[in-house]
C-alpha atoms as a PDB file:
ATOM      1  CA  MET A   1     -58.703   9.775  57.015  1.00  0.00           C
ATOM      2  CA  LYS A   2     -55.079   8.604  57.209  1.00  0.00           C
ATOM      3  CA  ARG A   3     -55.922   6.035  60.081  1.00  0.00           C
ATOM      4  CA  LEU A   4     -58.716   4.496  57.378  1.00  0.00           C
ATOM      5  CA  MET A   5     -56.281   4.249  54.727  1.00  0.00           C
ATOM      6  CA  MET A   6     -53.716   2.193  56.898  1.00  0.00           C
ATOM      7  CA  PHE A   7     -56.433   0.289  58.365  1.00  0.00           C
ATOM      8  CA  ILE A   8     -57.875  -0.909  54.566  1.00  0.00           C
ATOM      9  CA  ALA A   9     -54.166  -1.591  53.675  1.00  0.00           C
ATOM     10  CA  LEU A  10     -53.989  -4.136  56.779  1.00  0.00           C
ATOM     11  CA  LEU A  11     -56.791  -5.786  55.993  1.00  0.00           C
ATOM     12  CA  ALA A  12     -55.939  -6.397  52.541  1.00  0.00           C
ATOM     13  CA  GLY A  13     -52.760  -7.812  54.039  1.00  0.00           C
ATOM     14  CA  VAL A  14     -54.200 -10.329  55.981  1.00  0.00           C
ATOM     15  CA  ALA A  15     -56.672 -11.512  53.188  1.00  0.00           C
ATOM     16  CA  GLY A  16     -53.864 -12.122  51.181  1.00  0.00           C
ATOM     17  CA  ALA A  17     -51.659 -13.977  53.758  1.00  0.00           C
ATOM     18  CA  LYS A  18     -55.037 -16.063  54.356  1.00  0.00           C
ATOM     19  CA  ALA A  19     -55.383 -16.807  50.445  1.00  0.00           C
ATOM     20  CA  GLN A  20     -51.836 -17.836  49.728  1.00  0.00           C
ATOM     21  CA  TYR A  21     -50.571 -21.073  51.654  1.00  0.00           C
ATOM     22  CA  VAL A  22     -48.201 -23.688  50.870  1.00  0.00           C
ATOM     23  CA  THR A  23     -49.075 -27.259  50.843  1.00  0.00           C
ATOM     24  CA  TYR A  24     -46.051 -29.774  51.591  1.00  0.00           C
ATOM     25  CA  ASN A  25     -46.212 -33.701  51.303  1.00  0.00           C
ATOM     26  CA  HIS A  26     -43.006 -35.208  51.959  1.00  0.00           C
ATOM     27  CA  ASP A  27     -41.917 -37.904  49.436  1.00  0.00           C
ATOM     28  CA  ALA A  28     -38.636 -40.112  50.472  1.00  0.00           C
ATOM     29  CA  ALA A  29     -38.546 -42.047  47.400  1.00  0.00           C
ATOM     30  CA  LYS A  30     -38.465 -38.610  45.065  1.00  0.00           C
ATOM     31  CA  MET A  31     -36.258 -37.083  47.531  1.00  0.00           C
ATOM     32  CA  ASN A  32     -33.693 -39.676  47.295  1.00  0.00           C
ATOM     33  CA  GLN A  33     -33.888 -39.759  43.590  1.00  0.00           C
ATOM     34  CA  VAL A  34     -33.244 -35.815  43.760  1.00  0.00           C
ATOM     35  CA  THR A  35     -30.381 -36.324  45.956  1.00  0.00           C
ATOM     36  CA  VAL A  36     -28.472 -39.100  43.809  1.00  0.00           C
ATOM     37  CA  MET A  37     -28.997 -37.030  40.828  1.00  0.00           C
ATOM     38  CA  GLU A  38     -27.721 -33.907  42.183  1.00  0.00           C
ATOM     39  CA  THR A  39     -25.156 -34.797  44.518  1.00  0.00           C
ATOM     40  CA  GLY A  40     -24.554 -38.805  44.146  1.00  0.00           C
ATOM     41  CA  THR A  41     -25.454 -39.710  47.478  1.00  0.00           C
ATOM     42  CA  GLY A  42     -28.169 -41.411  48.980  1.00  0.00           C
ATOM     43  CA  THR A  43     -29.902 -44.432  47.649  1.00  0.00           C
ATOM     44  CA  LEU A  44     -32.727 -45.209  45.055  1.00  0.00           C
ATOM     45  CA  LYS A  45     -35.648 -46.602  46.793  1.00  0.00           C
ATOM     46  CA  PRO A  46     -37.670 -48.541  46.323  1.00  0.00           C
ATOM     47  CA  ASP A  47     -34.703 -50.573  45.573  1.00  0.00           C
ATOM     48  CA  PHE A  48     -36.990 -53.485  43.676  1.00  0.00           C
ATOM     49  CA  TYR A  49     -38.437 -51.116  41.659  1.00  0.00           C
ATOM     50  CA  TYR A  50     -35.087 -49.567  40.115  1.00  0.00           C
ATOM     51  CA  TRP A  51     -33.685 -53.057  39.814  1.00  0.00           C
ATOM     52  CA  LEU A  52     -36.511 -54.228  37.526  1.00  0.00           C
ATOM     53  CA  LEU A  53     -37.325 -51.221  35.376  1.00  0.00           C
ATOM     54  CA  HIS A  54     -34.449 -48.894  35.845  1.00  0.00           C
ATOM     55  CA  ASN A  55     -31.373 -51.312  36.469  1.00  0.00           C
ATOM     56  CA  SER A  56     -28.888 -49.422  34.296  1.00  0.00           C
ATOM     57  CA  TYR A  57     -29.327 -46.110  35.572  1.00  0.00           C
ATOM     58  CA  ARG A  58     -29.454 -47.888  38.912  1.00  0.00           C
ATOM     59  CA  LYS A  59     -25.691 -48.959  38.446  1.00  0.00           C
ATOM     60  CA  ARG A  60     -24.605 -45.592  37.171  1.00  0.00           C
ATOM     61  CA  ALA A  61     -26.625 -42.879  38.979  1.00  0.00           C
ATOM     62  CA  ALA A  62     -24.357 -42.098  41.702  1.00  0.00           C
ATOM     63  CA  SER A  63     -21.675 -41.644  39.434  1.00  0.00           C
ATOM     64  CA  THR A  64     -23.129 -39.110  36.744  1.00  0.00           C
ATOM     65  CA  ASN A  65     -24.828 -36.849  39.144  1.00  0.00           C
ATOM     66  CA  LYS A  66     -24.826 -33.321  38.356  1.00  0.00           C
ATOM     67  CA  LEU A  67     -22.521 -31.983  41.350  1.00  0.00           C
ATOM     68  CA  SER A  68     -19.746 -33.573  38.962  1.00  0.00           C
ATOM     69  CA  PHE A  69     -20.633 -31.817  35.939  1.00  0.00           C
ATOM     70  CA  ARG A  70     -20.921 -28.658  37.860  1.00  0.00           C
ATOM     71  CA  THR A  71     -17.592 -28.986  39.223  1.00  0.00           C
ATOM     72  CA  LEU A  72     -16.144 -29.834  35.462  1.00  0.00           C
ATOM     73  CA  SER A  73     -18.037 -26.726  34.051  1.00  0.00           C
ATOM     74  CA  GLY A  74     -16.421 -24.767  36.658  1.00  0.00           C
ATOM     75  CA  VAL A  75     -13.206 -25.778  36.101  1.00  0.00           C
ATOM     76  CA  HIS A  76     -13.565 -25.346  32.043  1.00  0.00           C
ATOM     77  CA  LEU A  77     -14.613 -22.032  32.987  1.00  0.00           C
ATOM     78  CA  TYR A  78     -11.542 -20.748  34.585  1.00  0.00           C
ATOM     79  CA  ASN A  79      -9.812 -22.085  31.714  1.00  0.00           C
ATOM     80  CA  GLN A  80     -11.966 -20.041  29.488  1.00  0.00           C
ATOM     81  CA  VAL A  81     -11.280 -17.061  31.582  1.00  0.00           C
ATOM     82  CA  ASP A  82      -7.537 -17.348  30.900  1.00  0.00           C
ATOM     83  CA  GLU A  83      -7.940 -18.220  27.443  1.00  0.00           C
ATOM     84  CA  ALA A  84     -10.165 -15.326  26.875  1.00  0.00           C
ATOM     85  CA  LYS A  85      -7.646 -12.922  28.564  1.00  0.00           C
ATOM     86  CA  THR A  86      -4.980 -14.354  25.939  1.00  0.00           C
ATOM     87  CA  ILE A  87      -7.467 -13.890  23.166  1.00  0.00           C
ATOM     88  CA  ASP A  88      -8.363 -10.430  24.193  1.00  0.00           C
ATOM     89  CA  THR A  89      -4.534  -9.415  24.723  1.00  0.00           C
ATOM     90  CA  ALA A  90      -3.783 -10.637  21.189  1.00  0.00           C
ATOM     91  CA  LEU A  91      -6.698  -8.809  19.441  1.00  0.00           C
ATOM     92  CA  VAL A  92      -5.741  -5.844  21.078  1.00  0.00           C
ATOM     93  CA  LYS A  93      -2.126  -5.947  19.551  1.00  0.00           C
ATOM     94  CA  ARG A  94      -3.840  -6.676  16.380  1.00  0.00           C
ATOM     95  CA  ALA A  95      -5.952  -3.869  16.607  1.00  0.00           C
ATOM     96  CA  GLU A  96      -2.797  -1.765  17.172  1.00  0.00           C
ATOM     97  CA  ILE A  97      -1.166  -3.439  14.639  1.00  0.00           C
ATOM     98  CA  GLU A  98      -3.965  -2.608  12.013  1.00  0.00           C
ATOM     99  CA  ALA A  99      -4.475   0.687  12.942  1.00  0.00           C
ATOM    100  CA  LEU A 100      -1.167   1.379  12.146  1.00  0.00           C
ATOM    101  CA  ASN A 101      -1.481  -0.139   8.843  1.00  0.00           C
ATOM    102  CA  MET A 102      -4.626   1.900   8.356  1.00  0.00           C
ATOM    103  CA  ALA A 103      -2.710   5.030   8.714  1.00  0.00           C
ATOM    104  CA  ASP A 104       0.015   3.574   6.554  1.00  0.00           C
ATOM    105  CA  ARG A 105      -2.539   2.821   3.623  1.00  0.00           C
ATOM    106  CA  LYS A 106      -4.690   6.020   3.982  1.00  0.00           C
ATOM    107  CA  ILE A 107      -1.828   8.531   4.045  1.00  0.00           C
ATOM    108  CA  ASP A 108       0.011   8.481   0.766  1.00  0.00           C
ATOM    109  CA  ILE A 109       3.273   9.318   1.745  1.00  0.00           C
ATOM    110  CA  ALA A 110       5.165   7.648  -1.226  1.00  0.00           C
ATOM    111  CA  TRP A 111       3.531  10.527  -3.729  1.00  0.00           C
ATOM    112  CA  LEU A 112       5.214  13.142  -1.506  1.00  0.00           C
ATOM    113  CA  ALA A 113       8.581  11.359  -2.153  1.00  0.00           C
ATOM    114  CA  GLU A 114       8.042  10.344  -5.976  1.00  0.00           C
ATOM    115  CA  GLY A 115       5.302  12.777  -7.134  1.00  0.00           C
ATOM    116  CA  ASP A 116       7.558  15.350  -8.561  1.00  0.00           C
ATOM    117  CA  LYS A 117       9.496  13.052 -10.479  1.00  0.00           C
ATOM    118  CA  VAL A 118       6.260  11.233 -11.924  1.00  0.00           C
ATOM    119  CA  ASN A 119       4.742  14.385 -12.702  1.00  0.00           C
ATOM    120  CA  GLY A 120       7.872  15.773 -14.472  1.00  0.00           C
ATOM    121  CA  MET A 121       8.296  12.865 -16.934  1.00  0.00           C
ATOM    122  CA  MET A 122       4.544  13.113 -17.508  1.00  0.00           C
ATOM    123  CA  GLU A 123       4.946  16.560 -18.460  1.00  0.00           C
ATOM    124  CA  ARG A 124       7.851  15.834 -20.881  1.00  0.00           C
ATOM    125  CA  PHE A 125       5.778  13.102 -22.623  1.00  0.00           C
ATOM    126  CA  LYS A 126       3.343  15.630 -23.060  1.00  0.00           C
ATOM    127  CA  ARG A 127       5.296  18.019 -24.455  1.00  0.00           C
ATOM    128  CA  ASN A 128       6.826  15.519 -26.916  1.00  0.00           C
ATOM    129  CA  ILE A 129       3.208  14.194 -27.964  1.00  0.00           C
ATOM    130  CA  ASP A 130       2.573  17.905 -28.791  1.00  0.00           C
ATOM    131  CA  ARG A 131       5.701  18.182 -31.120  1.00  0.00           C
ATOM    132  CA  ILE A 132       4.185  15.373 -33.524  1.00  0.00           C
ATOM    133  CA  ILE A 133       1.924  17.587 -35.902  1.00  0.00           C
ATOM    134  CA  ALA A 134       5.008  19.973 -35.863  1.00  0.00           C
ATOM    135  CA  THR A 135       7.686  17.309 -36.863  1.00  0.00           C
ATOM    136  CA  GLY A 136       5.363  16.065 -39.905  1.00  0.00           C
ATOM    137  CA  GLY A 137       3.499  13.215 -37.955  1.00  0.00           C
ATOM    138  CA  LEU A 138      -0.343  12.458 -38.383  1.00  0.00           C
ATOM    139  CA  PRO A 139      -3.224  13.410 -36.163  1.00  0.00           C
ATOM    140  CA  SER A 140      -3.758   9.082 -35.888  1.00  0.00           C
ATOM    141  CA  ASP A 141      -0.092   9.003 -34.339  1.00  0.00           C
ATOM    142  CA  ARG A 142      -0.827  11.972 -32.072  1.00  0.00           C
ATOM    143  CA  GLU A 143      -3.914  10.188 -31.025  1.00  0.00           C
ATOM    144  CA  ARG A 144      -2.286   6.912 -30.368  1.00  0.00           C
ATOM    145  CA  TRP A 145       0.259   8.514 -28.133  1.00  0.00           C
ATOM    146  CA  THR A 146      -2.364  10.827 -26.303  1.00  0.00           C
ATOM    147  CA  GLU A 147      -4.370   7.231 -25.313  1.00  0.00           C
ATOM    148  CA  TYR A 148      -1.161   6.195 -23.629  1.00  0.00           C
ATOM    149  CA  TYR A 149      -0.891   9.384 -21.982  1.00  0.00           C
ATOM    150  CA  LYS A 150      -4.123   8.749 -20.688  1.00  0.00           C
ATOM    151  CA  VAL A 151      -3.658   5.294 -19.513  1.00  0.00           C
ATOM    152  CA  TYR A 152      -0.713   6.521 -17.235  1.00  0.00           C
ATOM    153  CA  GLU A 153      -3.024   9.321 -15.806  1.00  0.00           C
ATOM    154  CA  CYS A 154      -5.519   6.607 -14.855  1.00  0.00           C
ATOM    155  CA  ALA A 155      -2.636   4.488 -13.331  1.00  0.00           C
ATOM    156  CA  ILE A 156      -1.515   7.196 -11.277  1.00  0.00           C
ATOM    157  CA  ASP A 157      -5.202   8.181 -10.342  1.00  0.00           C
ATOM    158  CA  ALA A 158      -5.749   4.483  -9.305  1.00  0.00           C
ATOM    159  CA  THR A 159      -2.554   3.862  -7.485  1.00  0.00           C
ATOM    160  CA  ARG A 160      -3.025   7.046  -5.408  1.00  0.00           C
ATOM    161  CA  ASP A 161      -6.873   5.751  -4.432  1.00  0.00           C
ATOM    162  CA  VAL A 162      -6.102   2.298  -3.661  1.00  0.00           C
ATOM    163  CA  TYR A 163      -5.748   0.859  -0.276  1.00  0.00           C
ATOM    164  CA  MET A 164      -2.040  -0.062  -0.338  1.00  0.00           C
ATOM    165  CA  PRO A 165       0.898   0.435   1.919  1.00  0.00           C
ATOM    166  CA  ASN A 166       3.046   3.160   0.980  1.00  0.00           C
ATOM    167  CA  ALA A 167       5.930   0.704   0.408  1.00  0.00           C
ATOM    168  CA  GLN A 168       4.023  -1.035  -2.427  1.00  0.00           C
ATOM    169  CA  ARG A 169       2.809   2.096  -3.375  1.00  0.00           C
ATOM    170  CA  LYS A 170       6.431   3.401  -4.005  1.00  0.00           C
ATOM    171  CA  LYS A 171       6.934   0.581  -6.278  1.00  0.00           C
ATOM    172  CA  GLU A 172       4.065   1.278  -8.338  1.00  0.00           C
ATOM    173  CA  TYR A 173       5.098   4.665  -8.602  1.00  0.00           C
ATOM    174  CA  LEU A 174       8.445   4.004  -9.728  1.00  0.00           C
ATOM    175  CA  ARG A 175       6.891   1.017 -12.204  1.00  0.00           C
ATOM    176  CA  ILE A 176       4.801   3.940 -13.885  1.00  0.00           C
ATOM    177  CA  TYR A 177       7.793   6.214 -13.770  1.00  0.00           C
ATOM    178  CA  GLU A 178       9.918   3.734 -15.690  1.00  0.00           C
ATOM    179  CA  ASP A 179       7.330   2.731 -18.190  1.00  0.00           C
ATOM    180  CA  VAL A 180       6.359   6.469 -19.323  1.00  0.00           C
ATOM    181  CA  ALA A 181      10.427   7.139 -19.587  1.00  0.00           C
ATOM    182  CA  ARG A 182      10.408   4.433 -21.931  1.00  0.00           C
ATOM    183  CA  GLN A 183       7.573   5.121 -23.844  1.00  0.00           C
ATOM    184  CA  ASN A 184       8.992   9.020 -24.131  1.00  0.00           C
ATOM    185  CA  GLU A 185      12.409   7.619 -25.359  1.00  0.00           C
ATOM    186  CA  LEU A 186      10.755   5.714 -28.077  1.00  0.00           C
ATOM    187  CA  LEU A 187       8.423   8.837 -29.001  1.00  0.00           C
ATOM    188  CA  VAL A 188      11.749  11.007 -29.301  1.00  0.00           C
ATOM    189  CA  ARG A 189      13.078   8.744 -31.682  1.00  0.00           C
ATOM    190  CA  TYR A 190       9.834   8.530 -33.667  1.00  0.00           C
ATOM    191  CA  LEU A 191      10.126  12.818 -33.288  1.00  0.00           C
ATOM    192  CA  VAL A 192      13.703  12.644 -34.749  1.00  0.00           C
ATOM    193  CA  ARG A 193      13.043  10.167 -37.442  1.00  0.00           C
ATOM    194  CA  GLN A 194       9.845  12.440 -38.861  1.00  0.00           C
ATOM    195  CA  HIS A 195      11.827  15.762 -38.470  1.00  0.00           C
ATOM    196  CA  ASN A 196      14.690  14.326 -40.562  1.00  0.00           C
ATOM    197  CA  ALA A 197      12.352  12.893 -43.319  1.00  0.00           C
ATOM    198  CA  THR A 198      11.001  16.337 -43.437  1.00  0.00           C
ATOM    199  CA  LEU A 199      14.288  18.030 -43.888  1.00  0.00           C
ATOM    200  CA  THR A 200      15.246  15.163 -46.313  1.00  0.00           C
ATOM    201  CA  GLY A 201      12.124  15.871 -48.353  1.00  0.00           C
ATOM    202  CA  GLU A 202      12.329  19.471 -48.356  1.00  0.00           C
ATOM    203  CA  MET A 203      16.220  19.320 -49.610  1.00  0.00           C
ATOM    204  CA  LEU A 204      15.168  16.805 -52.614  1.00  0.00           C
ATOM    205  CA  SER A 205      12.142  19.357 -53.516  1.00  0.00           C
ATOM    206  CA  ALA A 206      14.496  22.186 -53.848  1.00  0.00           C
ATOM    207  CA  THR A 207      16.972  19.833 -56.129  1.00  0.00           C
ATOM    208  CA  ASP A 208      13.746  19.249 -58.060  1.00  0.00           C
ATOM    209  CA  ASN A 209      13.021  22.861 -58.625  1.00  0.00           C
ATOM    210  CA  ARG A 210      16.368  24.054 -59.451  1.00  0.00           C
ATOM    211  CA  THR A 211      17.108  24.154 -63.381  1.00  0.00           C
ATOM    212  CA  LEU A 212      20.681  23.283 -64.739  1.00  0.00           C
ATOM    213  CA  ASN A 213      22.418  25.068 -67.719  1.00  0.00           C
ATOM    214  CA  LYS A 214      24.511  22.357 -69.173  1.00  0.00           C
ATOM    215  CA  ALA A 215      26.285  24.683 -71.865  1.00  0.00           C
ATOM    216  CA  SER A 216      27.074  27.325 -69.395  1.00  0.00           C
ATOM    217  CA  ILE A 217      28.576  24.338 -66.864  1.00  0.00           C
ATOM    218  CA  ALA A 218      30.516  22.777 -69.777  1.00  0.00           C
ATOM    219  CA  ALA A 219      32.099  26.234 -71.267  1.00  0.00           C
ATOM    220  CA  SER A 220      33.256  26.999 -67.576  1.00  0.00           C
ATOM    221  CA  ALA A 221      34.670  23.812 -67.431  1.00  0.00           C
ATOM    222  CA  LEU A 222      36.608  24.287 -70.648  1.00  0.00           C
ATOM    223  CA  GLY A 223      37.671  27.803 -69.294  1.00  0.00           C
ATOM    224  CA  ARG A 224      39.251  26.232 -66.137  1.00  0.00           C
ATOM    225  CA  TRP A 225      40.851  23.751 -68.482  1.00  0.00           C
ATOM    226  CA  ASN A 226      42.691  26.012 -71.041  1.00  0.00           C
ATOM    227  CA  SER A 227      43.433  28.241 -67.983  1.00  0.00           C
ATOM    228  CA  SER A 228      45.366  25.332 -66.140  1.00  0.00           C
ATOM    229  CA  CYS A 229      47.178  24.397 -69.562  1.00  0.00           C
ATOM    230  CA  ARG A 230      48.660  28.134 -70.234  1.00  0.00           C
ATOM    231  CA  MET A 231      49.970  27.819 -66.447  1.00  0.00           C
ATOM    232  CA  VAL A 232      51.877  24.740 -67.097  1.00  0.00           C
ATOM    233  CA  ARG A 233      53.171  25.916 -70.291  1.00  0.00           C
ATOM    234  CA  GLY A 234      54.596  29.293 -68.899  1.00  0.00           C
ATOM    235  CA  PHE A 235      56.269  27.269 -66.109  1.00  0.00           C
ATOM    236  CA  HIS A 236      57.907  25.002 -68.975  1.00  0.00           C
ATOM    237  CA  SER A 237      58.576  27.406 -71.520  1.00  0.00           C
ATOM    238  CA  GLY A 238      62.089  26.084 -72.044  1.00  0.00           C
ATOM    239  CA  GLY A 239      61.279  22.711 -73.071  1.00  0.00           C
ATOM    240  CA  SER A 240      58.951  23.896 -75.672  1.00  0.00           C
ATOM    241  CA  ASP A 241      59.573  23.825 -79.570  1.00  0.00           C
ATOM    242  CA  SER A 242      59.235  27.131 -81.442  1.00  0.00           C
ATOM    243  CA  ASP A 243      55.954  26.133 -83.353  1.00  0.00           C
ATOM    244  CA  GLY A 244      54.690  26.391 -79.369  1.00  0.00           C
ATOM    245  CA  GLU A 245      54.062  22.597 -79.219  1.00  0.00           C
ATOM    246  CA  GLU A 246      55.024  21.104 -75.803  1.00  0.00           C
ATOM    247  CA  ARG A 247      58.226  18.362 -75.943  1.00  0.00           C
ATOM    248  CA  VAL A 248      58.958  16.069 -73.124  1.00  0.00           C
ATOM    249  CA  ASN A 249      62.568  15.788 -72.336  1.00  0.00           C
ATOM    250  CA  ARG A 250      63.659  12.021 -72.187  1.00  0.00           C
END
């Protein structure tokens, strides 16, 4: 069985070899043209044909061969290799720098340094907002200052989430802190003014409710006057007349 299979394969190979054959008809004119086009050597034949119909090509065919273009292409490729290495080196360095930049932007180190200070100022601001009603302020005033507080909360959250270097992020936190401190100072002044106005109103109300007894006040004043006069007469008894009237010694 194996011998039969080998025999069949051999017959198939012989048949294929007989079916495929190559014909070669040499054409010297075409060969010369190809040689001139590829390497620039040789001549174009028949010369009369090229002189009559392709004279411009006949003059420059040897100088514009493909071999010169291949040589120049190879030189350019070598230059491109050097340029590619330079670009690759630059890109690698840039990638390292960008990796550091990404790490600097994603990790919020600035909040670790400034977060406690900003949170402390925000807490003081919130406590003072809660004192507005107690000091006599209006609910609309409390709502207005609460909106300010929400604005600063939004600014802090946006700064923590933004893609930003830590140096710039720290500047933004400090700007927010300064602005909150400024608004908190204005709020404290407002609370003091409201508190003083409330105390003044209470004092005025207490004065209006008190009833004054003018007769008793006048009698008390007259009694103090008479007492003072008797005291003065006792000190100057040597200079008084028999009828008890005062006399001035000149």
